[in-house]
PDB file of N, CA and C in Angstrom:
ATOM      1  N   GLU A   1     -87.836  62.654 -12.036  1.00  0.00           N
ATOM      2  CA  GLU A   1     -86.265  62.794 -12.223  1.00  0.00           C
ATOM      3  C   GLU A   1     -86.010  61.673 -11.289  1.00  0.00           C
ATOM      4  N   VAL A   2     -85.000  60.573 -11.602  1.00  0.00           N
ATOM      5  CA  VAL A   2     -84.900  59.568 -10.703  1.00  0.00           C
ATOM      6  C   VAL A   2     -83.624  59.812 -10.121  1.00  0.00           C
ATOM      7  N   ASN A   3     -83.370  59.438  -8.960  1.00  0.00           N
ATOM      8  CA  ASN A   3     -82.154  59.574  -7.892  1.00  0.00           C
ATOM      9  C   ASN A   3     -81.284  58.343  -7.937  1.00  0.00           C
ATOM     10  N   LEU A   4     -80.371  58.400  -8.943  1.00  0.00           N
ATOM     11  CA  LEU A   4     -79.658  57.099  -8.925  1.00  0.00           C
ATOM     12  C   LEU A   4     -78.311  57.434  -8.017  1.00  0.00           C
ATOM     13  N   ARG A   5     -78.181  56.784  -7.204  1.00  0.00           N
ATOM     14  CA  ARG A   5     -76.828  56.887  -6.268  1.00  0.00           C
ATOM     15  C   ARG A   5     -75.896  56.459  -6.798  1.00  0.00           C
ATOM     16  N   ASP A   6     -74.487  56.816  -6.593  1.00  0.00           N
ATOM     17  CA  ASP A   6     -73.180  56.119  -6.998  1.00  0.00           C
ATOM     18  C   ASP A   6     -73.246  55.178  -5.991  1.00  0.00           C
ATOM     19  N   SER A   7     -72.718  53.845  -6.323  1.00  0.00           N
ATOM     20  CA  SER A   7     -72.324  52.948  -5.537  1.00  0.00           C
ATOM     21  C   SER A   7     -70.829  52.213  -5.548  1.00  0.00           C
ATOM     22  N   LYS A   8     -70.492  51.497  -4.823  1.00  0.00           N
ATOM     23  CA  LYS A   8     -69.166  50.761  -4.887  1.00  0.00           C
ATOM     24  C   LYS A   8     -68.961  49.972  -6.111  1.00  0.00           C
ATOM     25  N   PRO A   9     -68.092  50.221  -6.747  1.00  0.00           N
ATOM     26  CA  PRO A   9     -67.916  49.154  -8.088  1.00  0.00           C
ATOM     27  C   PRO A   9     -67.894  48.038  -7.783  1.00  0.00           C
ATOM     28  N   ILE A  10     -68.549  47.178  -8.656  1.00  0.00           N
ATOM     29  CA  ILE A  10     -68.595  45.712  -8.750  1.00  0.00           C
ATOM     30  C   ILE A  10     -68.019  44.908  -9.780  1.00  0.00           C
ATOM     31  N   LEU A  11     -66.972  44.011  -9.350  1.00  0.00           N
ATOM     32  CA  LEU A  11     -66.576  43.096 -10.644  1.00  0.00           C
ATOM     33  C   LEU A  11     -67.321  42.621 -11.303  1.00  0.00           C
ATOM     34  N   ALA A  12     -67.188  42.714 -12.763  1.00  0.00           N
ATOM     35  CA  ALA A  12     -68.153  42.138 -13.654  1.00  0.00           C
ATOM     36  C   ALA A  12     -67.076  40.933 -14.470  1.00  0.00           C
ATOM     37  N   VAL A  13     -67.958  39.836 -14.759  1.00  0.00           N
ATOM     38  CA  VAL A  13     -66.895  38.763 -15.273  1.00  0.00           C
ATOM     39  C   VAL A  13     -67.736  38.352 -16.611  1.00  0.00           C
ATOM     40  N   ASP A  14     -67.129  38.220 -17.666  1.00  0.00           N
ATOM     41  CA  ASP A  14     -67.648  38.032 -19.247  1.00  0.00           C
ATOM     42  C   ASP A  14     -66.621  36.874 -19.558  1.00  0.00           C
ATOM     43  N   GLY A  15     -67.079  35.497 -19.896  1.00  0.00           N
ATOM     44  CA  GLY A  15     -66.398  34.456 -20.496  1.00  0.00           C
ATOM     45  C   GLY A  15     -66.669  33.067 -20.632  1.00  0.00           C
ATOM     46  N   VAL A  16     -66.436  32.541 -21.588  1.00  0.00           N
ATOM     47  CA  VAL A  16     -66.939  31.192 -21.943  1.00  0.00           C
ATOM     48  C   VAL A  16     -65.846  30.160 -22.152  1.00  0.00           C
ATOM     49  N   ILE A  17     -65.724  29.036 -21.430  1.00  0.00           N
ATOM     50  CA  ILE A  17     -64.689  28.019 -21.727  1.00  0.00           C
ATOM     51  C   ILE A  17     -65.483  26.993 -22.677  1.00  0.00           C
ATOM     52  N   THR A  18     -64.476  26.685 -23.732  1.00  0.00           N
ATOM     53  CA  THR A  18     -64.841  25.891 -24.881  1.00  0.00           C
ATOM     54  C   THR A  18     -64.018  24.461 -24.764  1.00  0.00           C
ATOM     55  N   ASN A  19     -64.612  23.577 -25.521  1.00  0.00           N
ATOM     56  CA  ASN A  19     -64.023  22.381 -25.545  1.00  0.00           C
ATOM     57  C   ASN A  19     -62.854  22.281 -27.031  1.00  0.00           C
ATOM     58  N   GLU A  20     -62.955  23.457 -27.579  1.00  0.00           N
ATOM     59  CA  GLU A  20     -62.150  23.630 -28.748  1.00  0.00           C
ATOM     60  C   GLU A  20     -60.568  24.060 -28.280  1.00  0.00           C
ATOM     61  N   VAL A  21     -59.557  23.463 -29.004  1.00  0.00           N
ATOM     62  CA  VAL A  21     -58.347  23.531 -29.032  1.00  0.00           C
ATOM     63  C   VAL A  21     -58.070  25.098 -29.270  1.00  0.00           C
ATOM     64  N   GLY A  22     -57.356  25.679 -28.288  1.00  0.00           N
ATOM     65  CA  GLY A  22     -56.766  27.161 -28.435  1.00  0.00           C
ATOM     66  C   GLY A  22     -56.814  27.803 -26.963  1.00  0.00           C
ATOM     67  N   GLU A  23     -56.652  29.119 -27.161  1.00  0.00           N
ATOM     68  CA  GLU A  23     -56.592  29.990 -26.143  1.00  0.00           C
ATOM     69  C   GLU A  23     -58.218  30.360 -25.521  1.00  0.00           C
ATOM     70  N   GLN A  24     -58.172  30.243 -24.241  1.00  0.00           N
ATOM     71  CA  GLN A  24     -59.606  30.613 -23.532  1.00  0.00           C
ATOM     72  C   GLN A  24     -59.388  31.871 -22.941  1.00  0.00           C
ATOM     73  N   ARG A  25     -60.362  32.851 -23.052  1.00  0.00           N
ATOM     74  CA  ARG A  25     -60.444  34.238 -22.585  1.00  0.00           C
ATOM     75  C   ARG A  25     -61.552  34.487 -21.379  1.00  0.00           C
ATOM     76  N   ILE A  26     -61.354  35.127 -20.575  1.00  0.00           N
ATOM     77  CA  ILE A  26     -62.144  35.772 -19.540  1.00  0.00           C
ATOM     78  C   ILE A  26     -61.869  37.080 -19.159  1.00  0.00           C
ATOM     79  N   ARG A  27     -63.057  37.980 -19.400  1.00  0.00           N
ATOM     80  CA  ARG A  27     -62.746  39.411 -19.270  1.00  0.00           C
ATOM     81  C   ARG A  27     -63.353  40.062 -17.997  1.00  0.00           C
ATOM     82  N   LEU A  28     -62.392  40.853 -17.415  1.00  0.00           N
ATOM     83  CA  LEU A  28     -62.750  41.195 -16.157  1.00  0.00           C
ATOM     84  C   LEU A  28     -63.027  42.800 -16.416  1.00  0.00           C
ATOM     85  N   THR A  29     -64.108  43.490 -15.703  1.00  0.00           N
ATOM     86  CA  THR A  29     -64.325  44.739 -15.869  1.00  0.00           C
ATOM     87  C   THR A  29     -64.565  45.260 -14.503  1.00  0.00           C
ATOM     88  N   VAL A  30     -64.794  46.466 -14.177  1.00  0.00           N
ATOM     89  CA  VAL A  30     -65.605  47.036 -12.828  1.00  0.00           C
ATOM     90  C   VAL A  30     -66.320  48.052 -13.306  1.00  0.00           C
ATOM     91  N   SER A  31     -67.344  47.762 -12.598  1.00  0.00           N
ATOM     92  CA  SER A  31     -68.680  48.601 -12.983  1.00  0.00           C
ATOM     93  C   SER A  31     -68.610  50.178 -12.610  1.00  0.00           C
ATOM     94  N   THR A  32     -69.234  50.936 -13.447  1.00  0.00           N
ATOM     95  CA  THR A  32     -69.419  52.216 -13.155  1.00  0.00           C
ATOM     96  C   THR A  32     -70.693  52.823 -12.967  1.00  0.00           C
ATOM     97  N   SER A  33     -70.579  54.122 -12.940  1.00  0.00           N
ATOM     98  CA  SER A  33     -72.116  55.119 -12.703  1.00  0.00           C
ATOM     99  C   SER A  33     -72.910  54.697 -13.865  1.00  0.00           C
ATOM    100  N   TYR A  34     -74.281  54.697 -13.385  1.00  0.00           N
ATOM    101  CA  TYR A  34     -75.241  54.646 -14.573  1.00  0.00           C
ATOM    102  C   TYR A  34     -75.299  55.373 -15.498  1.00  0.00           C
ATOM    103  N   PHE A  35     -74.722  56.812 -15.258  1.00  0.00           N
ATOM    104  CA  PHE A  35     -74.764  57.741 -16.464  1.00  0.00           C
ATOM    105  C   PHE A  35     -73.262  57.859 -17.022  1.00  0.00           C
ATOM    106  N   ASP A  36     -72.510  57.169 -16.561  1.00  0.00           N
ATOM    107  CA  ASP A  36     -71.055  57.122 -17.235  1.00  0.00           C
ATOM    108  C   ASP A  36     -71.147  56.600 -18.390  1.00  0.00           C
ATOM    109  N   THR A  37     -70.653  57.309 -19.772  1.00  0.00           N
ATOM    110  CA  THR A  37     -70.788  56.991 -20.969  1.00  0.00           C
ATOM    111  C   THR A  37     -69.443  56.174 -21.319  1.00  0.00           C
ATOM    112  N   MET A  38     -68.559  56.197 -20.549  1.00  0.00           N
ATOM    113  CA  MET A  38     -67.074  55.607 -20.971  1.00  0.00           C
ATOM    114  C   MET A  38     -67.439  54.294 -20.928  1.00  0.00           C
ATOM    115  N   PRO A  39     -66.554  53.469 -21.612  1.00  0.00           N
ATOM    116  CA  PRO A  39     -66.354  51.984 -21.299  1.00  0.00           C
ATOM    117  C   PRO A  39     -65.967  51.525 -19.974  1.00  0.00           C
ATOM    118  N   ALA A  40     -66.430  50.478 -19.618  1.00  0.00           N
ATOM    119  CA  ALA A  40     -66.045  50.253 -18.093  1.00  0.00           C
ATOM    120  C   ALA A  40     -64.614  49.813 -17.974  1.00  0.00           C
ATOM    121  N   PRO A  41     -64.083  50.274 -16.898  1.00  0.00           N
ATOM    122  CA  PRO A  41     -62.670  49.927 -17.015  1.00  0.00           C
ATOM    123  C   PRO A  41     -62.194  48.578 -16.592  1.00  0.00           C
ATOM    124  N   PRO A  42     -60.927  48.000 -17.149  1.00  0.00           N
ATOM    125  CA  PRO A  42     -60.651  46.762 -16.992  1.00  0.00           C
ATOM    126  C   PRO A  42     -60.096  46.541 -15.475  1.00  0.00           C
ATOM    127  N   ALA A  43     -60.556  45.458 -14.750  1.00  0.00           N
ATOM    128  CA  ALA A  43     -59.924  44.977 -13.567  1.00  0.00           C
ATOM    129  C   ALA A  43     -58.431  44.505 -13.753  1.00  0.00           C
ATOM    130  N   LYS A  44     -57.608  45.164 -13.382  1.00  0.00           N
ATOM    131  CA  LYS A  44     -56.229  44.808 -13.522  1.00  0.00           C
ATOM    132  C   LYS A  44     -55.950  44.234 -12.406  1.00  0.00           C
ATOM    133  N   GLY A  45     -54.667  43.288 -12.160  1.00  0.00           N
ATOM    134  CA  GLY A  45     -54.248  42.620 -11.040  1.00  0.00           C
ATOM    135  C   GLY A  45     -54.881  41.638 -10.436  1.00  0.00           C
ATOM    136  N   ALA A  46     -55.674  40.835 -10.905  1.00  0.00           N
ATOM    137  CA  ALA A  46     -56.572  39.795 -10.540  1.00  0.00           C
ATOM    138  C   ALA A  46     -55.946  38.303 -10.606  1.00  0.00           C
ATOM    139  N   SER A  47     -56.163  37.692  -9.758  1.00  0.00           N
ATOM    140  CA  SER A  47     -55.736  36.103  -9.876  1.00  0.00           C
ATOM    141  C   SER A  47     -56.758  35.421 -10.509  1.00  0.00           C
ATOM    142  N   VAL A  48     -56.386  34.781 -11.790  1.00  0.00           N
ATOM    143  CA  VAL A  48     -57.738  33.890 -12.117  1.00  0.00           C
ATOM    144  C   VAL A  48     -57.340  32.728 -12.660  1.00  0.00           C
ATOM    145  N   THR A  49     -57.949  31.713 -11.949  1.00  0.00           N
ATOM    146  CA  THR A  49     -57.818  30.136 -12.217  1.00  0.00           C
ATOM    147  C   THR A  49     -59.171  29.416 -12.436  1.00  0.00           C
ATOM    148  N   VAL A  50     -58.832  28.387 -13.599  1.00  0.00           N
ATOM    149  CA  VAL A  50     -60.116  27.555 -13.846  1.00  0.00           C
ATOM    150  C   VAL A  50     -59.378  26.279 -13.107  1.00  0.00           C
ATOM    151  N   THR A  51     -60.254  25.576 -12.270  1.00  0.00           N
ATOM    152  CA  THR A  51     -59.824  24.214 -11.981  1.00  0.00           C
ATOM    153  C   THR A  51     -60.928  22.927 -12.406  1.00  0.00           C
ATOM    154  N   ASP A  52     -60.524  21.886 -12.879  1.00  0.00           N
ATOM    155  CA  ASP A  52     -61.009  20.826 -13.172  1.00  0.00           C
ATOM    156  C   ASP A  52     -61.490  19.845 -12.184  1.00  0.00           C
ATOM    157  N   THR A  53     -62.423  18.872 -12.582  1.00  0.00           N
ATOM    158  CA  THR A  53     -62.698  17.950 -11.306  1.00  0.00           C
ATOM    159  C   THR A  53     -61.356  17.048 -10.997  1.00  0.00           C
ATOM    160  N   GLU A  54     -60.538  17.074 -11.959  1.00  0.00           N
ATOM    161  CA  GLU A  54     -59.458  16.178 -11.461  1.00  0.00           C
ATOM    162  C   GLU A  54     -58.387  16.899 -10.838  1.00  0.00           C
ATOM    163  N   GLY A  55     -58.430  18.207 -10.578  1.00  0.00           N
ATOM    164  CA  GLY A  55     -57.589  18.961  -9.690  1.00  0.00           C
ATOM    165  C   GLY A  55     -56.681  19.595 -10.539  1.00  0.00           C
ATOM    166  N   LYS A  56     -56.674  19.612 -11.976  1.00  0.00           N
ATOM    167  CA  LYS A  56     -55.635  20.188 -12.937  1.00  0.00           C
ATOM    168  C   LYS A  56     -56.276  21.863 -12.650  1.00  0.00           C
ATOM    169  N   ILE A  57     -55.213  22.622 -12.534  1.00  0.00           N
ATOM    170  CA  ILE A  57     -55.511  24.108 -12.453  1.00  0.00           C
ATOM    171  C   ILE A  57     -55.044  24.795 -13.778  1.00  0.00           C
ATOM    172  N   TYR A  58     -55.759  25.529 -14.100  1.00  0.00           N
ATOM    173  CA  TYR A  58     -55.448  26.487 -15.613  1.00  0.00           C
ATOM    174  C   TYR A  58     -55.105  27.794 -15.281  1.00  0.00           C
ATOM    175  N   PRO A  59     -53.894  28.454 -15.030  1.00  0.00           N
ATOM    176  CA  PRO A  59     -53.982  29.583 -14.448  1.00  0.00           C
ATOM    177  C   PRO A  59     -54.100  30.706 -15.755  1.00  0.00           C
ATOM    178  N   PHE A  60     -54.802  31.816 -15.591  1.00  0.00           N
ATOM    179  CA  PHE A  60     -55.084  32.643 -16.557  1.00  0.00           C
ATOM    180  C   PHE A  60     -54.114  33.729 -16.421  1.00  0.00           C
ATOM    181  N   THR A  61     -53.617  34.687 -17.362  1.00  0.00           N
ATOM    182  CA  THR A  61     -52.818  35.777 -17.031  1.00  0.00           C
ATOM    183  C   THR A  61     -53.378  36.932 -18.081  1.00  0.00           C
ATOM    184  N   ASP A  62     -53.168  38.374 -17.677  1.00  0.00           N
ATOM    185  CA  ASP A  62     -53.673  39.377 -18.357  1.00  0.00           C
ATOM    186  C   ASP A  62     -52.149  40.192 -19.022  1.00  0.00           C
ATOM    187  N   PRO A  63     -51.590  39.786 -19.945  1.00  0.00           N
ATOM    188  CA  PRO A  63     -50.382  40.022 -20.443  1.00  0.00           C
ATOM    189  C   PRO A  63     -50.313  41.413 -21.001  1.00  0.00           C
ATOM    190  N   ASP A  64     -51.663  42.142 -21.493  1.00  0.00           N
ATOM    191  CA  ASP A  64     -51.565  43.265 -21.897  1.00  0.00           C
ATOM    192  C   ASP A  64     -52.247  44.251 -20.896  1.00  0.00           C
ATOM    193  N   GLN A  65     -52.550  43.736 -19.615  1.00  0.00           N
ATOM    194  CA  GLN A  65     -52.929  44.438 -18.799  1.00  0.00           C
ATOM    195  C   GLN A  65     -54.429  45.326 -18.989  1.00  0.00           C
ATOM    196  N   ASP A  66     -55.180  44.615 -19.897  1.00  0.00           N
ATOM    197  CA  ASP A  66     -56.464  45.209 -20.446  1.00  0.00           C
ATOM    198  C   ASP A  66     -57.650  44.600 -19.820  1.00  0.00           C
ATOM    199  N   GLY A  67     -57.362  43.928 -18.738  1.00  0.00           N
ATOM    200  CA  GLY A  67     -58.500  43.091 -18.309  1.00  0.00           C
ATOM    201  C   GLY A  67     -59.148  41.644 -19.022  1.00  0.00           C
ATOM    202  N   TYR A  68     -58.444  41.348 -20.279  1.00  0.00           N
ATOM    203  CA  TYR A  68     -58.583  40.196 -20.814  1.00  0.00           C
ATOM    204  C   TYR A  68     -57.467  39.137 -20.260  1.00  0.00           C
ATOM    205  N   TYR A  69     -58.052  38.177 -19.391  1.00  0.00           N
ATOM    206  CA  TYR A  69     -57.001  37.291 -18.977  1.00  0.00           C
ATOM    207  C   TYR A  69     -57.210  35.863 -19.709  1.00  0.00           C
ATOM    208  N   VAL A  70     -56.324  35.461 -19.979  1.00  0.00           N
ATOM    209  CA  VAL A  70     -55.840  34.350 -21.048  1.00  0.00           C
ATOM    210  C   VAL A  70     -55.281  33.145 -20.903  1.00  0.00           C
ATOM    211  N   TRP A  71     -55.610  32.073 -20.930  1.00  0.00           N
ATOM    212  CA  TRP A  71     -54.906  30.765 -20.885  1.00  0.00           C
ATOM    213  C   TRP A  71     -54.363  30.093 -22.040  1.00  0.00           C
ATOM    214  N   THR A  72     -53.194  29.898 -22.402  1.00  0.00           N
ATOM    215  CA  THR A  72     -52.907  29.412 -23.899  1.00  0.00           C
ATOM    216  C   THR A  72     -52.601  28.064 -23.476  1.00  0.00           C
ATOM    217  N   PRO A  73     -52.873  27.130 -24.322  1.00  0.00           N
ATOM    218  CA  PRO A  73     -52.335  25.654 -23.914  1.00  0.00           C
ATOM    219  C   PRO A  73     -51.020  25.510 -24.609  1.00  0.00           C
ATOM    220  N   THR A  74     -50.158  24.283 -23.809  1.00  0.00           N
ATOM    221  CA  THR A  74     -48.956  24.172 -24.165  1.00  0.00           C
ATOM    222  C   THR A  74     -48.688  23.229 -25.279  1.00  0.00           C
ATOM    223  N   ASN A  75     -49.661  22.316 -25.410  1.00  0.00           N
ATOM    224  CA  ASN A  75     -49.526  20.990 -26.231  1.00  0.00           C
ATOM    225  C   ASN A  75     -50.612  20.839 -27.159  1.00  0.00           C
ATOM    226  N   GLY A  76     -51.153  22.068 -27.634  1.00  0.00           N
ATOM    227  CA  GLY A  76     -52.314  21.797 -28.289  1.00  0.00           C
ATOM    228  C   GLY A  76     -53.333  21.242 -27.666  1.00  0.00           C
ATOM    229  N   GLU A  77     -53.664  21.247 -26.434  1.00  0.00           N
ATOM    230  CA  GLU A  77     -54.661  20.607 -25.843  1.00  0.00           C
ATOM    231  C   GLU A  77     -55.755  21.727 -25.407  1.00  0.00           C
ATOM    232  N   ALA A  78     -57.019  21.079 -25.491  1.00  0.00           N
ATOM    233  CA  ALA A  78     -58.346  21.713 -25.017  1.00  0.00           C
ATOM    234  C   ALA A  78     -58.475  21.855 -23.466  1.00  0.00           C
ATOM    235  N   MET A  79     -59.093  22.815 -23.314  1.00  0.00           N
ATOM    236  CA  MET A  79     -59.336  23.000 -21.673  1.00  0.00           C
ATOM    237  C   MET A  79     -60.406  21.997 -21.298  1.00  0.00           C
ATOM    238  N   GLY A  80     -61.721  22.639 -21.899  1.00  0.00           N
ATOM    239  CA  GLY A  80     -63.007  22.083 -21.683  1.00  0.00           C
ATOM    240  C   GLY A  80     -63.335  20.752 -22.016  1.00  0.00           C
ATOM    241  N   GLN A  81     -63.857  19.698 -21.507  1.00  0.00           N
ATOM    242  CA  GLN A  81     -64.200  18.478 -21.908  1.00  0.00           C
ATOM    243  C   GLN A  81     -65.576  18.357 -21.329  1.00  0.00           C
ATOM    244  N   ILE A  82     -66.401  17.830 -22.134  1.00  0.00           N
ATOM    245  CA  ILE A  82     -67.974  17.509 -22.039  1.00  0.00           C
ATOM    246  C   ILE A  82     -67.986  16.258 -20.811  1.00  0.00           C
ATOM    247  N   GLY A  83     -68.713  16.764 -19.834  1.00  0.00           N
ATOM    248  CA  GLY A  83     -68.846  15.912 -18.670  1.00  0.00           C
ATOM    249  C   GLY A  83     -68.131  16.318 -17.338  1.00  0.00           C
ATOM    250  N   LYS A  84     -66.969  17.069 -17.768  1.00  0.00           N
ATOM    251  CA  LYS A  84     -66.353  17.540 -16.499  1.00  0.00           C
ATOM    252  C   LYS A  84     -67.039  18.658 -15.769  1.00  0.00           C
ATOM    253  N   ARG A  85     -66.519  18.803 -14.645  1.00  0.00           N
ATOM    254  CA  ARG A  85     -66.928  20.310 -14.028  1.00  0.00           C
ATOM    255  C   ARG A  85     -65.812  21.095 -13.747  1.00  0.00           C
ATOM    256  N   TYR A  86     -66.032  22.492 -13.908  1.00  0.00           N
ATOM    257  CA  TYR A  86     -65.003  23.440 -13.914  1.00  0.00           C
ATOM    258  C   TYR A  86     -65.508  24.579 -12.847  1.00  0.00           C
ATOM    259  N   THR A  87     -64.503  24.788 -12.169  1.00  0.00           N
ATOM    260  CA  THR A  87     -64.507  25.993 -11.068  1.00  0.00           C
ATOM    261  C   THR A  87     -63.631  27.049 -11.428  1.00  0.00           C
ATOM    262  N   LEU A  88     -64.111  28.591 -11.524  1.00  0.00           N
ATOM    263  CA  LEU A  88     -63.406  29.684 -11.575  1.00  0.00           C
ATOM    264  C   LEU A  88     -63.252  30.430 -10.483  1.00  0.00           C
ATOM    265  N   ARG A  89     -62.082  30.472 -10.085  1.00  0.00           N
ATOM    266  CA  ARG A  89     -61.792  31.510  -8.874  1.00  0.00           C
ATOM    267  C   ARG A  89     -60.687  32.633  -9.267  1.00  0.00           C
ATOM    268  N   ILE A  90     -61.375  33.522  -8.781  1.00  0.00           N
ATOM    269  CA  ILE A  90     -61.053  35.220  -9.012  1.00  0.00           C
ATOM    270  C   ILE A  90     -60.891  35.609  -7.741  1.00  0.00           C
ATOM    271  N   ASP A  91     -59.511  36.033  -7.788  1.00  0.00           N
ATOM    272  CA  ASP A  91     -59.101  37.119  -6.164  1.00  0.00           C
ATOM    273  C   ASP A  91     -58.556  38.385  -6.974  1.00  0.00           C
ATOM    274  N   TYR A  92     -59.543  39.418  -6.554  1.00  0.00           N
ATOM    275  CA  TYR A  92     -59.188  40.869  -7.020  1.00  0.00           C
ATOM    276  C   TYR A  92     -59.652  41.642  -5.822  1.00  0.00           C
ATOM    277  N   SER A  93     -58.990  42.755  -5.552  1.00  0.00           N
ATOM    278  CA  SER A  93     -59.190  43.530  -4.289  1.00  0.00           C
ATOM    279  C   SER A  93     -59.023  44.959  -4.909  1.00  0.00           C
TER     280      SER A  93
END
């Protein structure tokens, strides 16, 4: 029998930024106990942004409060561009 102690929940991040025109999504969940059979709960109320090397900030929102943070282009633009670097910032407590 293995003794697996419960620990403090940890933020889990799942996302891919592409160079395709359209919305970009980042999913945030909170870890659960090893033996918990329910899906991981969404991390609600986070502040999520992506910033490119030119300083442009792309804010992500969670409109449905389901842990899926979304950035939607306003002018048919693509976020990701080959050769640029991007920084993901998540503020969550």
